[in-house]
Each structure stands twice: as structure tokens, then as C-alpha cells.
Amino acid sequence: MKHPFPSIITAAMIVLAGCSSKSAVSTADSGATTPVVPVVAAPVLGDINFEFDSSALSATAQEQLKQNAAWMQASTSQSVTIEGHCDERGTAEYNIALGEHRANSAKQFMISLGVSDAKISTISFGEERPLDPGHNEDAWAKNRRGHFVAK
């Protein structure tokens, strides 16, 4: 008995080969090609990190805030929310207040760089939305952050 399976695979490969993508799109009438333009994602606003029990901006955080501010000044229609986050140590109330101080610290620095106050809002999530669910210093360091959300 002859098996149809090899014939089916061969036919499928021929059909799929005709569907391969090309770097140019051909127009049926003129034979001309138009280059395909890649989609470029919008720049990502970088987050900043904080030391334990602190809302002070490190030199690294300040450099990131300068980049974020430059993007915001170039993107006149964009605004951001700065989310203040903490690690799990401390009371919930303390961490909400610390997250607020962190977000406001970042906001004030960006305003000092010329970003309009009206383009920046802040919110504190304290320890409620950890980036890393671990319970060690590496996880805690990731969770002590200011997170930027474009809107």
C-alpha cells in the first residue's frame, strides 16, 4: 500500500515556499517595489533605583532622569506618572510615605531640568507591587524604585 503522507508534506512545502516574506512589496500593476518600513517602538522611559530607606537621587538615577526629561521635552504631547515603590521591609504606612517621597524626589528633579509640572503626576504603591517577589537583598534592591509610565 502506498502512503500519501510524503506527498502531502511535499505539497505543503511547495505552498509555504510561495508564501515567504520579502523585503519589498510588489505592486501588481506596475511591477515597482516599495521598501517595507520597519516599525520603530517609542523610547522607553528608564526607571531609577534608591538605596534602603532613602529617597535621595544617586548619580546614576540623576543621569536616567536627565534622559527621561529630554524625551519628555521632545515629546510635547506626552505626560508621565512616576510610581514610587519600596521593598517589603517596614510597615505598609511607612512604605506608602517613602514611595511618595521617592516619586516626588524624581518629579522635582525633572522639573528643575525644565519639564513642566503639569506633565508629571506621582503615585505611591509602597511595597504593594514588587518587581521581584524574592525576599533577599537582590530582590529588595530591584523593588526600591521609581517607575515611569508614559500616558
N, C-alpha and C. Protein backbone atom coordinates (compact mmCIF):
# COMPACT_ATOMS: atom_id res chain seq x y z
N MET A 1 0.84 -1.18 0.00
CA MET A 1 0.00 0.00 0.00
C MET A 1 0.88 1.24 0.00
N LYS A 2 0.57 2.20 -0.80
CA LYS A 2 1.32 3.43 -0.94
C LYS A 2 0.82 4.45 0.08
N HIS A 3 1.73 5.11 0.80
CA HIS A 3 1.34 6.09 1.83
C HIS A 3 1.28 7.49 1.22
N PRO A 4 0.19 8.24 1.43
CA PRO A 4 0.05 9.59 0.89
C PRO A 4 0.82 10.64 1.70
N PHE A 5 1.34 10.27 2.86
CA PHE A 5 1.97 11.24 3.76
C PHE A 5 3.15 11.99 3.12
N PRO A 6 4.13 11.34 2.47
CA PRO A 6 5.23 12.10 1.85
C PRO A 6 4.74 13.07 0.78
N SER A 7 3.71 12.70 0.04
CA SER A 7 3.19 13.60 -0.99
C SER A 7 2.54 14.83 -0.38
N ILE A 8 1.85 14.64 0.73
CA ILE A 8 1.21 15.77 1.41
C ILE A 8 2.26 16.74 1.94
N ILE A 9 3.32 16.23 2.53
CA ILE A 9 4.39 17.09 3.05
C ILE A 9 5.04 17.86 1.92
N THR A 10 5.32 17.20 0.81
CA THR A 10 5.95 17.87 -0.33
C THR A 10 5.05 18.98 -0.85
N ALA A 11 3.77 18.73 -0.97
CA ALA A 11 2.84 19.75 -1.46
C ALA A 11 2.77 20.93 -0.50
N ALA A 12 2.75 20.64 0.79
CA ALA A 12 2.71 21.71 1.79
C ALA A 12 3.96 22.57 1.73
N MET A 13 5.10 21.95 1.53
CA MET A 13 6.36 22.72 1.46
C MET A 13 6.37 23.63 0.24
N ILE A 14 5.83 23.17 -0.88
CA ILE A 14 5.77 23.99 -2.08
C ILE A 14 4.86 25.19 -1.86
N VAL A 15 3.70 24.97 -1.24
CA VAL A 15 2.76 26.06 -0.97
C VAL A 15 3.38 27.07 -0.02
N LEU A 16 4.02 26.59 1.05
CA LEU A 16 4.63 27.50 2.02
C LEU A 16 5.80 28.26 1.44
N ALA A 17 6.55 27.67 0.55
CA ALA A 17 7.68 28.36 -0.07
C ALA A 17 7.20 29.56 -0.87
N GLY A 18 6.02 29.46 -1.44
CA GLY A 18 5.45 30.59 -2.19
C GLY A 18 4.98 31.71 -1.30
N CYS A 19 4.86 31.46 0.01
CA CYS A 19 4.38 32.46 0.96
C CYS A 19 5.51 33.14 1.71
N SER A 20 6.75 32.92 1.32
CA SER A 20 7.86 33.51 2.08
C SER A 20 7.81 35.02 1.99
N SER A 21 8.30 35.67 3.06
CA SER A 21 8.27 37.13 3.10
C SER A 21 9.43 37.70 2.32
N LYS A 22 9.26 38.92 1.84
CA LYS A 22 10.28 39.62 1.08
C LYS A 22 10.50 40.97 1.72
N SER A 23 11.62 41.61 1.42
CA SER A 23 11.91 42.91 2.00
C SER A 23 11.28 44.05 1.22
N ALA A 24 10.60 43.75 0.12
CA ALA A 24 9.92 44.78 -0.64
C ALA A 24 8.55 44.26 -1.04
N VAL A 25 7.62 45.18 -1.21
CA VAL A 25 6.26 44.82 -1.59
C VAL A 25 6.11 45.14 -3.06
N SER A 26 5.66 44.20 -3.85
CA SER A 26 5.49 44.40 -5.28
C SER A 26 4.06 44.84 -5.57
N THR A 27 3.91 45.84 -6.42
CA THR A 27 2.57 46.23 -6.83
C THR A 27 2.22 45.45 -8.09
N ALA A 28 1.02 44.95 -8.14
CA ALA A 28 0.61 44.06 -9.22
C ALA A 28 0.62 44.75 -10.59
N ASP A 29 0.22 46.01 -10.67
CA ASP A 29 0.09 46.66 -11.96
C ASP A 29 1.41 47.13 -12.53
N SER A 30 2.24 47.78 -11.76
CA SER A 30 3.42 48.41 -12.31
C SER A 30 4.69 47.58 -12.20
N GLY A 31 4.72 46.59 -11.34
CA GLY A 31 5.93 45.82 -11.15
C GLY A 31 6.95 46.54 -10.28
N ALA A 32 6.64 47.76 -9.84
CA ALA A 32 7.55 48.53 -8.99
C ALA A 32 7.52 47.97 -7.57
N THR A 33 8.56 48.23 -6.84
CA THR A 33 8.61 47.78 -5.45
C THR A 33 8.70 48.98 -4.53
N THR A 34 8.09 48.81 -3.37
CA THR A 34 8.13 49.83 -2.32
C THR A 34 8.81 49.22 -1.12
N PRO A 35 9.85 49.85 -0.58
CA PRO A 35 10.52 49.26 0.57
C PRO A 35 9.59 49.18 1.78
N VAL A 36 9.76 48.14 2.55
CA VAL A 36 8.99 47.97 3.77
C VAL A 36 9.68 48.77 4.87
N VAL A 37 8.93 49.64 5.52
CA VAL A 37 9.48 50.47 6.58
C VAL A 37 9.26 49.77 7.92
N PRO A 38 10.34 49.49 8.66
CA PRO A 38 10.16 48.81 9.95
C PRO A 38 9.46 49.73 10.95
N VAL A 39 8.68 49.12 11.82
CA VAL A 39 8.01 49.86 12.89
C VAL A 39 9.02 50.08 14.01
N VAL A 40 9.17 51.32 14.42
CA VAL A 40 10.11 51.65 15.49
C VAL A 40 9.32 51.96 16.75
N ALA A 41 9.64 51.26 17.82
CA ALA A 41 8.94 51.47 19.09
C ALA A 41 9.34 52.81 19.70
N ALA A 42 8.41 53.38 20.45
CA ALA A 42 8.70 54.62 21.16
C ALA A 42 9.78 54.37 22.21
N PRO A 43 10.57 55.38 22.49
CA PRO A 43 11.62 55.20 23.50
C PRO A 43 11.00 54.80 24.85
N VAL A 44 11.72 54.00 25.56
CA VAL A 44 11.25 53.56 26.87
C VAL A 44 11.84 54.48 27.92
N LEU A 45 10.99 54.97 28.79
CA LEU A 45 11.46 55.77 29.90
C LEU A 45 12.12 54.85 30.92
N GLY A 46 13.29 55.20 31.35
CA GLY A 46 14.01 54.34 32.29
C GLY A 46 13.59 54.56 33.73
N ASP A 47 13.58 53.48 34.46
CA ASP A 47 13.31 53.55 35.89
C ASP A 47 14.57 53.94 36.65
N ILE A 48 14.39 54.34 37.89
CA ILE A 48 15.52 54.65 38.77
C ILE A 48 15.40 53.82 40.04
N ASN A 49 16.51 53.61 40.70
CA ASN A 49 16.53 52.85 41.94
C ASN A 49 17.04 53.70 43.08
N PHE A 50 16.69 53.28 44.29
CA PHE A 50 17.03 54.01 45.50
C PHE A 50 17.73 53.08 46.49
N GLU A 51 18.48 53.68 47.37
CA GLU A 51 19.11 52.94 48.47
C GLU A 51 18.05 52.65 49.53
N PHE A 52 18.37 51.76 50.44
CA PHE A 52 17.46 51.39 51.52
C PHE A 52 17.07 52.61 52.34
N ASP A 53 15.78 52.76 52.60
CA ASP A 53 15.25 53.80 53.47
C ASP A 53 15.62 55.21 53.03
N SER A 54 15.68 55.42 51.70
CA SER A 54 16.12 56.71 51.19
C SER A 54 15.31 57.13 49.96
N SER A 55 15.16 58.44 49.81
CA SER A 55 14.57 58.99 48.60
C SER A 55 15.57 59.88 47.88
N ALA A 56 16.85 59.82 48.31
CA ALA A 56 17.91 60.60 47.68
C ALA A 56 18.23 60.03 46.30
N LEU A 57 18.49 60.92 45.35
CA LEU A 57 18.80 60.50 43.98
C LEU A 57 20.30 60.29 43.83
N SER A 58 20.67 59.08 43.44
CA SER A 58 22.08 58.78 43.18
C SER A 58 22.50 59.43 41.86
N ALA A 59 23.79 59.45 41.59
CA ALA A 59 24.29 59.99 40.32
C ALA A 59 23.72 59.20 39.14
N THR A 60 23.61 57.89 39.30
CA THR A 60 23.03 57.05 38.24
C THR A 60 21.57 57.41 38.01
N ALA A 61 20.82 57.60 39.07
CA ALA A 61 19.41 57.98 38.96
C ALA A 61 19.27 59.34 38.27
N GLN A 62 20.14 60.28 38.64
CA GLN A 62 20.08 61.61 38.03
C GLN A 62 20.35 61.55 36.53
N GLU A 63 21.29 60.71 36.11
CA GLU A 63 21.57 60.56 34.67
C GLU A 63 20.35 60.01 33.95
N GLN A 64 19.69 59.02 34.54
CA GLN A 64 18.49 58.46 33.92
C GLN A 64 17.38 59.50 33.87
N LEU A 65 17.24 60.27 34.91
CA LEU A 65 16.21 61.32 34.93
C LEU A 65 16.49 62.38 33.86
N LYS A 66 17.74 62.68 33.60
CA LYS A 66 18.09 63.63 32.54
C LYS A 66 17.64 63.08 31.18
N GLN A 67 17.84 61.78 30.96
CA GLN A 67 17.39 61.16 29.70
C GLN A 67 15.86 61.18 29.60
N ASN A 68 15.20 60.86 30.70
CA ASN A 68 13.74 60.89 30.71
C ASN A 68 13.22 62.30 30.44
N ALA A 69 13.86 63.29 31.06
CA ALA A 69 13.44 64.69 30.89
C ALA A 69 13.64 65.13 29.44
N ALA A 70 14.75 64.74 28.83
CA ALA A 70 14.99 65.11 27.42
C ALA A 70 13.92 64.51 26.52
N TRP A 71 13.54 63.26 26.78
CA TRP A 71 12.49 62.63 25.99
C TRP A 71 11.16 63.36 26.18
N MET A 72 10.85 63.72 27.42
CA MET A 72 9.59 64.42 27.69
C MET A 72 9.54 65.79 27.04
N GLN A 73 10.67 66.50 27.02
CA GLN A 73 10.70 67.82 26.41
C GLN A 73 10.56 67.72 24.89
N ALA A 74 11.08 66.63 24.31
CA ALA A 74 10.95 66.42 22.87
C ALA A 74 9.56 65.91 22.50
N SER A 75 8.90 65.23 23.41
CA SER A 75 7.57 64.67 23.18
C SER A 75 6.54 65.55 23.86
N THR A 76 6.19 66.63 23.21
CA THR A 76 5.36 67.65 23.85
C THR A 76 3.97 67.15 24.24
N SER A 77 3.46 66.11 23.57
CA SER A 77 2.12 65.64 23.90
C SER A 77 2.12 64.56 24.97
N GLN A 78 3.27 64.10 25.39
CA GLN A 78 3.37 63.02 26.36
C GLN A 78 3.44 63.56 27.79
N SER A 79 2.82 62.82 28.68
CA SER A 79 2.98 63.09 30.11
C SER A 79 3.33 61.76 30.77
N VAL A 80 3.78 61.81 32.00
CA VAL A 80 4.17 60.58 32.70
C VAL A 80 3.61 60.56 34.11
N THR A 81 3.49 59.35 34.60
CA THR A 81 3.23 59.13 36.01
C THR A 81 4.47 58.46 36.58
N ILE A 82 4.96 58.99 37.68
CA ILE A 82 6.09 58.38 38.36
C ILE A 82 5.52 57.60 39.54
N GLU A 83 5.76 56.29 39.52
CA GLU A 83 5.28 55.42 40.60
C GLU A 83 6.41 55.22 41.60
N GLY A 84 6.14 55.49 42.87
CA GLY A 84 7.12 55.24 43.92
C GLY A 84 6.90 53.86 44.52
N HIS A 85 7.98 53.07 44.57
CA HIS A 85 7.90 51.69 45.09
C HIS A 85 8.95 51.48 46.17
N CYS A 86 8.67 50.51 47.05
CA CYS A 86 9.56 50.17 48.16
C CYS A 86 9.74 48.66 48.24
N ASP A 87 10.71 48.23 49.04
CA ASP A 87 10.81 46.80 49.31
C ASP A 87 9.84 46.46 50.44
N GLU A 88 9.79 45.22 50.82
CA GLU A 88 8.78 44.74 51.77
C GLU A 88 9.07 45.05 53.22
N ARG A 89 10.25 45.58 53.50
CA ARG A 89 10.59 45.86 54.89
C ARG A 89 9.94 47.17 55.33
N GLY A 90 9.54 47.26 56.56
CA GLY A 90 8.84 48.44 57.08
C GLY A 90 7.34 48.22 57.03
N THR A 91 6.63 49.09 57.71
CA THR A 91 5.17 48.97 57.74
C THR A 91 4.58 49.44 56.41
N ALA A 92 3.37 49.04 56.15
CA ALA A 92 2.69 49.45 54.92
C ALA A 92 2.56 50.98 54.87
N GLU A 93 2.22 51.59 55.99
CA GLU A 93 2.07 53.05 56.04
C GLU A 93 3.39 53.76 55.77
N TYR A 94 4.46 53.26 56.39
CA TYR A 94 5.77 53.86 56.19
C TYR A 94 6.18 53.76 54.72
N ASN A 95 5.95 52.59 54.12
CA ASN A 95 6.38 52.39 52.74
C ASN A 95 5.56 53.21 51.75
N ILE A 96 4.28 53.45 52.04
CA ILE A 96 3.49 54.35 51.19
C ILE A 96 4.09 55.75 51.23
N ALA A 97 4.44 56.22 52.42
CA ALA A 97 5.04 57.55 52.56
C ALA A 97 6.40 57.61 51.88
N LEU A 98 7.22 56.58 52.04
CA LEU A 98 8.54 56.56 51.40
C LEU A 98 8.40 56.52 49.88
N GLY A 99 7.47 55.73 49.37
CA GLY A 99 7.24 55.69 47.93
C GLY A 99 6.82 57.04 47.38
N GLU A 100 6.01 57.76 48.17
CA GLU A 100 5.60 59.11 47.78
C GLU A 100 6.80 60.05 47.73
N HIS A 101 7.66 59.96 48.74
CA HIS A 101 8.87 60.81 48.76
C HIS A 101 9.76 60.49 47.56
N ARG A 102 9.89 59.22 47.21
CA ARG A 102 10.72 58.83 46.07
C ARG A 102 10.17 59.39 44.77
N ALA A 103 8.88 59.23 44.55
CA ALA A 103 8.26 59.73 43.32
C ALA A 103 8.38 61.26 43.24
N ASN A 104 8.15 61.93 44.36
CA ASN A 104 8.26 63.40 44.38
C ASN A 104 9.69 63.88 44.20
N SER A 105 10.65 63.14 44.71
CA SER A 105 12.06 63.49 44.52
C SER A 105 12.41 63.46 43.04
N ALA A 106 11.97 62.42 42.34
CA ALA A 106 12.22 62.32 40.91
C ALA A 106 11.49 63.43 40.15
N LYS A 107 10.25 63.70 40.54
CA LYS A 107 9.48 64.75 39.88
C LYS A 107 10.15 66.11 40.03
N GLN A 108 10.57 66.45 41.24
CA GLN A 108 11.20 67.76 41.47
C GLN A 108 12.50 67.90 40.67
N PHE A 109 13.25 66.82 40.56
CA PHE A 109 14.49 66.88 39.78
C PHE A 109 14.17 67.13 38.30
N MET A 110 13.15 66.46 37.78
CA MET A 110 12.79 66.66 36.38
C MET A 110 12.25 68.07 36.13
N ILE A 111 11.52 68.61 37.08
CA ILE A 111 11.05 69.99 36.96
C ILE A 111 12.24 70.94 36.94
N SER A 112 13.26 70.65 37.75
CA SER A 112 14.45 71.50 37.76
C SER A 112 15.19 71.45 36.43
N LEU A 113 14.93 70.41 35.64
CA LEU A 113 15.55 70.28 34.32
C LEU A 113 14.70 70.93 33.23
N GLY A 114 13.55 71.48 33.60
CA GLY A 114 12.72 72.20 32.65
C GLY A 114 11.46 71.48 32.20
N VAL A 115 11.17 70.31 32.75
CA VAL A 115 9.94 69.61 32.40
C VAL A 115 8.78 70.28 33.14
N SER A 116 7.70 70.49 32.44
CA SER A 116 6.53 71.14 33.04
C SER A 116 5.93 70.29 34.15
N ASP A 117 5.63 70.93 35.25
CA ASP A 117 4.98 70.28 36.39
C ASP A 117 3.67 69.61 35.96
N ALA A 118 2.97 70.21 35.01
CA ALA A 118 1.68 69.68 34.56
C ALA A 118 1.81 68.36 33.80
N LYS A 119 3.02 68.03 33.34
CA LYS A 119 3.23 66.80 32.58
C LYS A 119 3.62 65.61 33.45
N ILE A 120 3.75 65.83 34.77
CA ILE A 120 4.21 64.77 35.66
C ILE A 120 3.22 64.59 36.80
N SER A 121 2.74 63.38 36.97
CA SER A 121 1.94 63.05 38.15
C SER A 121 2.69 61.97 38.92
N THR A 122 2.36 61.83 40.19
CA THR A 122 3.02 60.83 41.03
C THR A 122 1.99 59.99 41.76
N ILE A 123 2.41 58.79 42.10
CA ILE A 123 1.59 57.89 42.92
C ILE A 123 2.55 56.98 43.67
N SER A 124 2.16 56.58 44.87
CA SER A 124 2.97 55.65 45.64
C SER A 124 2.24 54.32 45.77
N PHE A 125 2.97 53.25 45.49
CA PHE A 125 2.43 51.91 45.71
C PHE A 125 3.11 51.23 46.89
N GLY A 126 4.04 51.93 47.53
CA GLY A 126 4.72 51.33 48.68
C GLY A 126 5.32 49.99 48.31
N GLU A 127 4.99 48.98 49.09
CA GLU A 127 5.51 47.63 48.86
C GLU A 127 4.53 46.74 48.10
N GLU A 128 3.40 47.30 47.66
CA GLU A 128 2.30 46.51 47.12
C GLU A 128 2.52 45.92 45.74
N ARG A 129 3.44 46.46 44.94
CA ARG A 129 3.66 45.96 43.58
C ARG A 129 5.15 45.68 43.36
N PRO A 130 5.67 44.65 43.98
CA PRO A 130 7.11 44.37 43.82
C PRO A 130 7.45 43.95 42.39
N LEU A 131 8.59 44.41 41.91
CA LEU A 131 9.10 43.98 40.62
C LEU A 131 9.64 42.56 40.73
N ASP A 132 10.29 42.28 41.85
CA ASP A 132 10.86 40.96 42.12
C ASP A 132 10.23 40.43 43.41
N PRO A 133 9.57 39.28 43.37
CA PRO A 133 8.88 38.77 44.56
C PRO A 133 9.81 38.10 45.58
N GLY A 134 11.11 38.11 45.34
CA GLY A 134 12.05 37.46 46.26
C GLY A 134 12.12 38.16 47.60
N HIS A 135 12.75 37.47 48.55
CA HIS A 135 12.87 38.00 49.92
C HIS A 135 14.34 38.06 50.30
N ASN A 136 15.13 38.75 49.47
CA ASN A 136 16.56 38.90 49.75
C ASN A 136 17.02 40.27 49.22
N GLU A 137 18.25 40.60 49.47
CA GLU A 137 18.75 41.93 49.13
C GLU A 137 18.68 42.22 47.63
N ASP A 138 18.96 41.22 46.80
CA ASP A 138 18.86 41.44 45.35
C ASP A 138 17.45 41.84 44.94
N ALA A 139 16.46 41.13 45.45
CA ALA A 139 15.06 41.45 45.14
C ALA A 139 14.69 42.81 45.71
N TRP A 140 15.07 43.06 46.95
CA TRP A 140 14.71 44.33 47.58
C TRP A 140 15.30 45.51 46.82
N ALA A 141 16.54 45.36 46.33
CA ALA A 141 17.19 46.45 45.59
C ALA A 141 16.41 46.77 44.31
N LYS A 142 15.87 45.76 43.64
CA LYS A 142 15.07 45.98 42.43
C LYS A 142 13.74 46.66 42.76
N ASN A 143 13.21 46.36 43.93
CA ASN A 143 11.89 46.88 44.30
C ASN A 143 11.92 48.32 44.80
N ARG A 144 13.07 48.81 45.22
CA ARG A 144 13.21 50.21 45.67
C ARG A 144 13.42 51.07 44.42
N ARG A 145 12.31 51.53 43.83
CA ARG A 145 12.44 52.17 42.53
C ARG A 145 11.39 53.26 42.30
N GLY A 146 11.70 54.05 41.30
CA GLY A 146 10.74 54.98 40.72
C GLY A 146 10.47 54.46 39.33
N HIS A 147 9.23 54.12 39.05
CA HIS A 147 8.85 53.54 37.76
C HIS A 147 8.11 54.59 36.94
N PHE A 148 8.50 54.76 35.69
CA PHE A 148 7.92 55.78 34.81
C PHE A 148 6.93 55.15 33.84
N VAL A 149 5.73 55.71 33.79
CA VAL A 149 4.70 55.22 32.88
C VAL A 149 4.25 56.39 32.00
N ALA A 150 4.48 56.27 30.69
CA ALA A 150 4.03 57.30 29.75
C ALA A 150 2.53 57.18 29.56
N LYS A 151 1.88 58.33 29.43
CA LYS A 151 0.43 58.31 29.19
C LYS A 151 0.06 59.32 28.15
